[in-house]
Amino acid sequence: MTNQLPAVTSGSTVTFDIEAVTLGTANNSEGGNAKLRVTISSSNREVVFDWLLDQSCGSLYFGCSFFYPGWKVLVF
């Protein structure tokens, strides 16, 4: 199965929703009990990726870089 988002063109909106998810009990001190869920949405399509983490993450950082000028980025 292939997950494919529509092409990004002028006026397109792409949304990245990122959240840390705890698996099982929160007081488990062993590693591997958290994952990072990234949901990417564009037009009427959406893909979700889950990454298992070795440890719980306290902070998430955002960064982006564009080759062409004129892009607008909103972070909240």
PDB file of N, CA and C in Angstrom:
ATOM      1  N   MET A   1       0.842  -1.171   0.000  1.00  0.00           N
ATOM      2  CA  MET A   1       0.000   0.000   0.000  1.00  0.00           C
ATOM      3  C   MET A   1       0.892   1.241   0.000  1.00  0.00           C
ATOM      4  N   THR A   2       0.535   2.219  -0.810  1.00  0.00           N
ATOM      5  CA  THR A   2       1.306   3.452  -0.915  1.00  0.00           C
ATOM      6  C   THR A   2       0.495   4.613  -0.363  1.00  0.00           C
ATOM      7  N   ASN A   3       1.112   5.371   0.522  1.00  0.00           N
ATOM      8  CA  ASN A   3       0.501   6.603   1.018  1.00  0.00           C
ATOM      9  C   ASN A   3       1.116   7.756   0.254  1.00  0.00           C
ATOM     10  N   GLN A   4       0.304   8.487  -0.464  1.00  0.00           N
ATOM     11  CA  GLN A   4       0.830   9.588  -1.263  1.00  0.00           C
ATOM     12  C   GLN A   4      -0.049  10.814  -1.074  1.00  0.00           C
ATOM     13  N   LEU A   5       0.593  11.918  -0.719  1.00  0.00           N
ATOM     14  CA  LEU A   5      -0.107  13.189  -0.585  1.00  0.00           C
ATOM     15  C   LEU A   5      -0.146  13.878  -1.936  1.00  0.00           C
ATOM     16  N   PRO A   6      -1.108  14.782  -2.151  1.00  0.00           N
ATOM     17  CA  PRO A   6      -1.151  15.523  -3.411  1.00  0.00           C
ATOM     18  C   PRO A   6       0.075  16.426  -3.561  1.00  0.00           C
ATOM     19  N   ALA A   7       0.386  16.803  -4.785  1.00  0.00           N
ATOM     20  CA  ALA A   7       1.526  17.688  -5.048  1.00  0.00           C
ATOM     21  C   ALA A   7       1.324  19.030  -4.345  1.00  0.00           C
ATOM     22  N   VAL A   8       2.414  19.597  -3.851  1.00  0.00           N
ATOM     23  CA  VAL A   8       2.368  20.922  -3.223  1.00  0.00           C
ATOM     24  C   VAL A   8       2.498  21.961  -4.324  1.00  0.00           C
ATOM     25  N   THR A   9       1.478  22.788  -4.456  1.00  0.00           N
ATOM     26  CA  THR A   9       1.463  23.840  -5.471  1.00  0.00           C
ATOM     27  C   THR A   9       1.162  25.171  -4.798  1.00  0.00           C
ATOM     28  N   SER A  10       1.177  26.243  -5.560  1.00  0.00           N
ATOM     29  CA  SER A  10       0.870  27.566  -5.024  1.00  0.00           C
ATOM     30  C   SER A  10      -0.514  27.546  -4.375  1.00  0.00           C
ATOM     31  N   GLY A  11      -0.589  27.999  -3.141  1.00  0.00           N
ATOM     32  CA  GLY A  11      -1.847  28.015  -2.407  1.00  0.00           C
ATOM     33  C   GLY A  11      -2.127  26.754  -1.609  1.00  0.00           C
ATOM     34  N   SER A  12      -1.264  25.751  -1.718  1.00  0.00           N
ATOM     35  CA  SER A  12      -1.457  24.513  -0.956  1.00  0.00           C
ATOM     36  C   SER A  12      -1.224  24.756   0.530  1.00  0.00           C
ATOM     37  N   THR A  13      -1.908  23.971   1.340  1.00  0.00           N
ATOM     38  CA  THR A  13      -1.689  23.979   2.782  1.00  0.00           C
ATOM     39  C   THR A  13      -1.280  22.576   3.202  1.00  0.00           C
ATOM     40  N   VAL A  14      -0.158  22.488   3.911  1.00  0.00           N
ATOM     41  CA  VAL A  14       0.315  21.216   4.445  1.00  0.00           C
ATOM     42  C   VAL A  14       0.419  21.383   5.957  1.00  0.00           C
ATOM     43  N   THR A  15      -0.188  20.463   6.694  1.00  0.00           N
ATOM     44  CA  THR A  15      -0.203  20.540   8.149  1.00  0.00           C
ATOM     45  C   THR A  15       0.569  19.365   8.737  1.00  0.00           C
ATOM     46  N   PHE A  16       1.470  19.669   9.687  1.00  0.00           N
ATOM     47  CA  PHE A  16       2.206  18.658  10.434  1.00  0.00           C
ATOM     48  C   PHE A  16       1.708  18.701  11.875  1.00  0.00           C
ATOM     49  N   ASP A  17       1.146  17.605  12.346  1.00  0.00           N
ATOM     50  CA  ASP A  17       0.691  17.491  13.729  1.00  0.00           C
ATOM     51  C   ASP A  17       1.586  16.468  14.402  1.00  0.00           C
ATOM     52  N   ILE A  18       2.314  16.887  15.435  1.00  0.00           N
ATOM     53  CA  ILE A  18       3.296  16.020  16.081  1.00  0.00           C
ATOM     54  C   ILE A  18       2.958  15.907  17.558  1.00  0.00           C
ATOM     55  N   GLU A  19       2.913  14.667  18.059  1.00  0.00           N
ATOM     56  CA  GLU A  19       2.629  14.477  19.478  1.00  0.00           C
ATOM     57  C   GLU A  19       3.424  13.298  20.016  1.00  0.00           C
ATOM     58  N   ALA A  20       3.818  13.413  21.274  1.00  0.00           N
ATOM     59  CA  ALA A  20       4.472  12.314  21.972  1.00  0.00           C
ATOM     60  C   ALA A  20       3.383  11.477  22.630  1.00  0.00           C
ATOM     61  N   VAL A  21       3.435  10.163  22.446  1.00  0.00           N
ATOM     62  CA  VAL A  21       2.424   9.253  22.976  1.00  0.00           C
ATOM     63  C   VAL A  21       3.111   8.277  23.922  1.00  0.00           C
ATOM     64  N   THR A  22       2.574   8.133  25.143  1.00  0.00           N
ATOM     65  CA  THR A  22       3.108   7.182  26.110  1.00  0.00           C
ATOM     66  C   THR A  22       2.410   5.844  25.925  1.00  0.00           C
ATOM     67  N   LEU A  23       3.190   4.789  25.860  1.00  0.00           N
ATOM     68  CA  LEU A  23       2.650   3.435  25.701  1.00  0.00           C
ATOM     69  C   LEU A  23       2.619   2.750  27.059  1.00  0.00           C
ATOM     70  N   GLY A  24       1.535   2.125  27.407  1.00  0.00           N
ATOM     71  CA  GLY A  24       1.437   1.410  28.678  1.00  0.00           C
ATOM     72  C   GLY A  24       1.370   2.363  29.850  1.00  0.00           C
ATOM     73  N   THR A  25       1.979   1.957  30.970  1.00  0.00           N
ATOM     74  CA  THR A  25       1.928   2.774  32.183  1.00  0.00           C
ATOM     75  C   THR A  25       2.962   3.876  32.131  1.00  0.00           C
ATOM     76  N   ALA A  26       2.615   5.039  32.642  1.00  0.00           N
ATOM     77  CA  ALA A  26       3.501   6.201  32.613  1.00  0.00           C
ATOM     78  C   ALA A  26       4.660   6.065  33.580  1.00  0.00           C
ATOM     79  N   ASN A  27       4.548   5.197  34.615  1.00  0.00           N
ATOM     80  CA  ASN A  27       5.620   5.082  35.602  1.00  0.00           C
ATOM     81  C   ASN A  27       6.632   4.000  35.246  1.00  0.00           C
ATOM     82  N   ASN A  28       6.563   3.454  34.065  1.00  0.00           N
ATOM     83  CA  ASN A  28       7.523   2.445  33.622  1.00  0.00           C
ATOM     84  C   ASN A  28       8.857   3.125  33.350  1.00  0.00           C
ATOM     85  N   SER A  29       9.914   2.735  34.082  1.00  0.00           N
ATOM     86  CA  SER A  29      11.218   3.389  33.938  1.00  0.00           C
ATOM     87  C   SER A  29      12.061   2.780  32.828  1.00  0.00           C
ATOM     88  N   GLU A  30      11.593   1.700  32.218  1.00  0.00           N
ATOM     89  CA  GLU A  30      12.347   1.072  31.137  1.00  0.00           C
ATOM     90  C   GLU A  30      12.172   1.863  29.846  1.00  0.00           C
ATOM     91  N   GLY A  31      13.152   1.800  28.967  1.00  0.00           N
ATOM     92  CA  GLY A  31      13.076   2.503  27.696  1.00  0.00           C
ATOM     93  C   GLY A  31      12.074   1.864  26.750  1.00  0.00           C
ATOM     94  N   GLY A  32      11.746   2.568  25.663  1.00  0.00           N
ATOM     95  CA  GLY A  32      10.870   2.026  24.649  1.00  0.00           C
ATOM     96  C   GLY A  32       9.398   2.106  24.968  1.00  0.00           C
ATOM     97  N   ASN A  33       9.002   2.958  25.935  1.00  0.00           N
ATOM     98  CA  ASN A  33       7.590   3.038  26.288  1.00  0.00           C
ATOM     99  C   ASN A  33       6.945   4.321  25.766  1.00  0.00           C
ATOM    100  N   ALA A  34       7.538   4.930  24.758  1.00  0.00           N
ATOM    101  CA  ALA A  34       6.976   6.152  24.178  1.00  0.00           C
ATOM    102  C   ALA A  34       7.174   6.122  22.669  1.00  0.00           C
ATOM    103  N   LYS A  35       6.307   6.844  21.975  1.00  0.00           N
ATOM    104  CA  LYS A  35       6.478   6.971  20.532  1.00  0.00           C
ATOM    105  C   LYS A  35       6.120   8.388  20.118  1.00  0.00           C
ATOM    106  N   LEU A  36       6.636   8.777  18.987  1.00  0.00           N
ATOM    107  CA  LEU A  36       6.348  10.073  18.397  1.00  0.00           C
ATOM    108  C   LEU A  36       5.425   9.826  17.216  1.00  0.00           C
ATOM    109  N   ARG A  37       4.239  10.431  17.240  1.00  0.00           N
ATOM    110  CA  ARG A  37       3.267  10.274  16.154  1.00  0.00           C
ATOM    111  C   ARG A  37       3.256  11.559  15.330  1.00  0.00           C
ATOM    112  N   VAL A  38       3.524  11.433  14.026  1.00  0.00           N
ATOM    113  CA  VAL A  38       3.531  12.566  13.104  1.00  0.00           C
ATOM    114  C   VAL A  38       2.425  12.347  12.077  1.00  0.00           C
ATOM    115  N   THR A  39       1.487  13.287  12.015  1.00  0.00           N
ATOM    116  CA  THR A  39       0.402  13.243  11.042  1.00  0.00           C
ATOM    117  C   THR A  39       0.616  14.370  10.046  1.00  0.00           C
ATOM    118  N   ILE A  40       0.681  14.047   8.760  1.00  0.00           N
ATOM    119  CA  ILE A  40       0.859  15.045   7.704  1.00  0.00           C
ATOM    120  C   ILE A  40      -0.419  15.067   6.880  1.00  0.00           C
ATOM    121  N   SER A  41      -1.022  16.255   6.762  1.00  0.00           N
ATOM    122  CA  SER A  41      -2.288  16.413   6.041  1.00  0.00           C
ATOM    123  C   SER A  41      -2.135  17.431   4.930  1.00  0.00           C
ATOM    124  N   SER A  42      -2.751  17.149   3.792  1.00  0.00           N
ATOM    125  CA  SER A  42      -2.796  18.084   2.674  1.00  0.00           C
ATOM    126  C   SER A  42      -4.046  17.781   1.862  1.00  0.00           C
ATOM    127  N   SER A  43      -4.808  18.834   1.557  1.00  0.00           N
ATOM    128  CA  SER A  43      -6.095  18.681   0.869  1.00  0.00           C
ATOM    129  C   SER A  43      -6.950  17.703   1.659  1.00  0.00           C
ATOM    130  N   ASN A  44      -7.421  16.651   1.035  1.00  0.00           N
ATOM    131  CA  ASN A  44      -8.276  15.691   1.736  1.00  0.00           C
ATOM    132  C   ASN A  44      -7.540  14.396   2.064  1.00  0.00           C
ATOM    133  N   ARG A  45      -6.201  14.442   2.088  1.00  0.00           N
ATOM    134  CA  ARG A  45      -5.413  13.237   2.351  1.00  0.00           C
ATOM    135  C   ARG A  45      -4.573  13.419   3.601  1.00  0.00           C
ATOM    136  N   GLU A  46      -4.275  12.289   4.232  1.00  0.00           N
ATOM    137  CA  GLU A  46      -3.519  12.313   5.481  1.00  0.00           C
ATOM    138  C   GLU A  46      -2.690  11.042   5.591  1.00  0.00           C
ATOM    139  N   VAL A  47      -1.455  11.182   6.083  1.00  0.00           N
ATOM    140  CA  VAL A  47      -0.616  10.026   6.390  1.00  0.00           C
ATOM    141  C   VAL A  47      -0.131  10.162   7.827  1.00  0.00           C
ATOM    142  N   VAL A  48       0.037   9.021   8.493  1.00  0.00           N
ATOM    143  CA  VAL A  48       0.464   9.003   9.893  1.00  0.00           C
ATOM    144  C   VAL A  48       1.692   8.109  10.008  1.00  0.00           C
ATOM    145  N   PHE A  49       2.716   8.618  10.700  1.00  0.00           N
ATOM    146  CA  PHE A  49       3.938   7.857  10.956  1.00  0.00           C
ATOM    147  C   PHE A  49       4.136   7.775  12.463  1.00  0.00           C
ATOM    148  N   ASP A  50       4.501   6.599  12.972  1.00  0.00           N
ATOM    149  CA  ASP A  50       4.831   6.406  14.382  1.00  0.00           C
ATOM    150  C   ASP A  50       6.281   5.965  14.493  1.00  0.00           C
ATOM    151  N   TRP A  51       7.034   6.631  15.381  1.00  0.00           N
ATOM    152  CA  TRP A  51       8.416   6.255  15.659  1.00  0.00           C
ATOM    153  C   TRP A  51       8.528   5.904  17.131  1.00  0.00           C
ATOM    154  N   LEU A  52       9.033   4.695  17.433  1.00  0.00           N
ATOM    155  CA  LEU A  52       9.284   4.321  18.820  1.00  0.00           C
ATOM    156  C   LEU A  52      10.493   5.086  19.328  1.00  0.00           C
ATOM    157  N   LEU A  53      10.403   5.582  20.556  1.00  0.00           N
ATOM    158  CA  LEU A  53      11.485   6.341  21.171  1.00  0.00           C
ATOM    159  C   LEU A  53      12.137   5.501  22.257  1.00  0.00           C
ATOM    160  N   ASP A  54      13.451   5.669  22.438  1.00  0.00           N
ATOM    161  CA  ASP A  54      14.161   4.974  23.506  1.00  0.00           C
ATOM    162  C   ASP A  54      13.775   5.519  24.872  1.00  0.00           C
ATOM    163  N   GLN A  55      13.392   6.788  24.910  1.00  0.00           N
ATOM    164  CA  GLN A  55      12.992   7.428  26.162  1.00  0.00           C
ATOM    165  C   GLN A  55      11.951   8.494  25.865  1.00  0.00           C
ATOM    166  N   SER A  56      11.226   8.881  26.887  1.00  0.00           N
ATOM    167  CA  SER A  56      10.210   9.916  26.733  1.00  0.00           C
ATOM    168  C   SER A  56      10.885  11.240  26.393  1.00  0.00           C
ATOM    169  N   CYS A  57      10.252  12.055  25.555  1.00  0.00           N
ATOM    170  CA  CYS A  57      10.856  13.333  25.169  1.00  0.00           C
ATOM    171  C   CYS A  57      10.154  14.473  25.907  1.00  0.00           C
ATOM    172  N   GLY A  58      10.941  15.369  26.495  1.00  0.00           N
ATOM    173  CA  GLY A  58      10.389  16.500  27.226  1.00  0.00           C
ATOM    174  C   GLY A  58      10.091  17.679  26.331  1.00  0.00           C
ATOM    175  N   SER A  59      10.827  17.814  25.234  1.00  0.00           N
ATOM    176  CA  SER A  59      10.651  18.954  24.335  1.00  0.00           C
ATOM    177  C   SER A  59      10.679  18.488  22.887  1.00  0.00           C
ATOM    178  N   LEU A  60       9.913  19.178  22.055  1.00  0.00           N
ATOM    179  CA  LEU A  60       9.938  18.946  20.614  1.00  0.00           C
ATOM    180  C   LEU A  60      10.399  20.235  19.944  1.00  0.00           C
ATOM    181  N   TYR A  61      11.242  20.130  18.938  1.00  0.00           N
ATOM    182  CA  TYR A  61      11.755  21.296  18.227  1.00  0.00           C
ATOM    183  C   TYR A  61      11.334  21.224  16.768  1.00  0.00           C
ATOM    184  N   PHE A  62      11.090  22.380  16.171  1.00  0.00           N
ATOM    185  CA  PHE A  62      10.629  22.464  14.793  1.00  0.00           C
ATOM    186  C   PHE A  62      11.667  23.208  13.964  1.00  0.00           C
ATOM    187  N   GLY A  63      11.940  22.715  12.774  1.00  0.00           N
ATOM    188  CA  GLY A  63      12.846  23.399  11.858  1.00  0.00           C
ATOM    189  C   GLY A  63      12.418  23.151  10.424  1.00  0.00           C
ATOM    190  N   CYS A  64      12.655  24.114   9.552  1.00  0.00           N
ATOM    191  CA  CYS A  64      12.320  23.926   8.139  1.00  0.00           C
ATOM    192  C   CYS A  64      13.250  24.774   7.281  1.00  0.00           C
ATOM    193  N   SER A  65      13.399  24.346   6.048  1.00  0.00           N
ATOM    194  CA  SER A  65      14.253  25.051   5.098  1.00  0.00           C
ATOM    195  C   SER A  65      13.615  24.938   3.716  1.00  0.00           C
ATOM    196  N   PHE A  66      13.631  26.040   2.963  1.00  0.00           N
ATOM    197  CA  PHE A  66      13.016  26.054   1.638  1.00  0.00           C
ATOM    198  C   PHE A  66      14.032  26.497   0.597  1.00  0.00           C
ATOM    199  N   PHE A  67      13.985  25.873  -0.554  1.00  0.00           N
ATOM    200  CA  PHE A  67      14.907  26.192  -1.637  1.00  0.00           C
ATOM    201  C   PHE A  67      14.474  27.448  -2.384  1.00  0.00           C
ATOM    202  N   TYR A  68      13.165  27.649  -2.517  1.00  0.00           N
ATOM    203  CA  TYR A  68      12.630  28.797  -3.254  1.00  0.00           C
ATOM    204  C   TYR A  68      11.998  29.800  -2.295  1.00  0.00           C
ATOM    205  N   PRO A  69      12.057  31.112  -2.611  1.00  0.00           N
ATOM    206  CA  PRO A  69      11.439  32.132  -1.755  1.00  0.00           C
ATOM    207  C   PRO A  69       9.910  32.126  -1.894  1.00  0.00           C
ATOM    208  N   GLY A  70       9.243  32.799  -0.962  1.00  0.00           N
ATOM    209  CA  GLY A  70       7.805  32.981  -1.058  1.00  0.00           C
ATOM    210  C   GLY A  70       6.973  32.039  -0.206  1.00  0.00           C
ATOM    211  N   TRP A  71       7.606  31.140   0.536  1.00  0.00           N
ATOM    212  CA  TRP A  71       6.859  30.224   1.392  1.00  0.00           C
ATOM    213  C   TRP A  71       6.425  30.941   2.662  1.00  0.00           C
ATOM    214  N   LYS A  72       5.299  30.554   3.211  1.00  0.00           N
ATOM    215  CA  LYS A  72       4.816  31.084   4.483  1.00  0.00           C
ATOM    216  C   LYS A  72       4.702  29.927   5.463  1.00  0.00           C
ATOM    217  N   VAL A  73       5.180  30.141   6.686  1.00  0.00           N
ATOM    218  CA  VAL A  73       5.160  29.099   7.704  1.00  0.00           C
ATOM    219  C   VAL A  73       4.471  29.648   8.945  1.00  0.00           C
ATOM    220  N   LEU A  74       3.527  28.889   9.487  1.00  0.00           N
ATOM    221  CA  LEU A  74       2.831  29.241  10.715  1.00  0.00           C
ATOM    222  C   LEU A  74       3.059  28.118  11.715  1.00  0.00           C
ATOM    223  N   VAL A  75       3.585  28.456  12.883  1.00  0.00           N
ATOM    224  CA  VAL A  75       3.837  27.470  13.936  1.00  0.00           C
ATOM    225  C   VAL A  75       3.077  27.905  15.181  1.00  0.00           C
ATOM    226  N   PHE A  76       2.265  26.997  15.718  1.00  0.00           N
ATOM    227  CA  PHE A  76       1.554  27.320  16.966  1.00  0.00           C
ATOM    228  C   PHE A  76       1.425  26.101  17.837  1.00  0.00           C
TER     229      PHE A  76
END
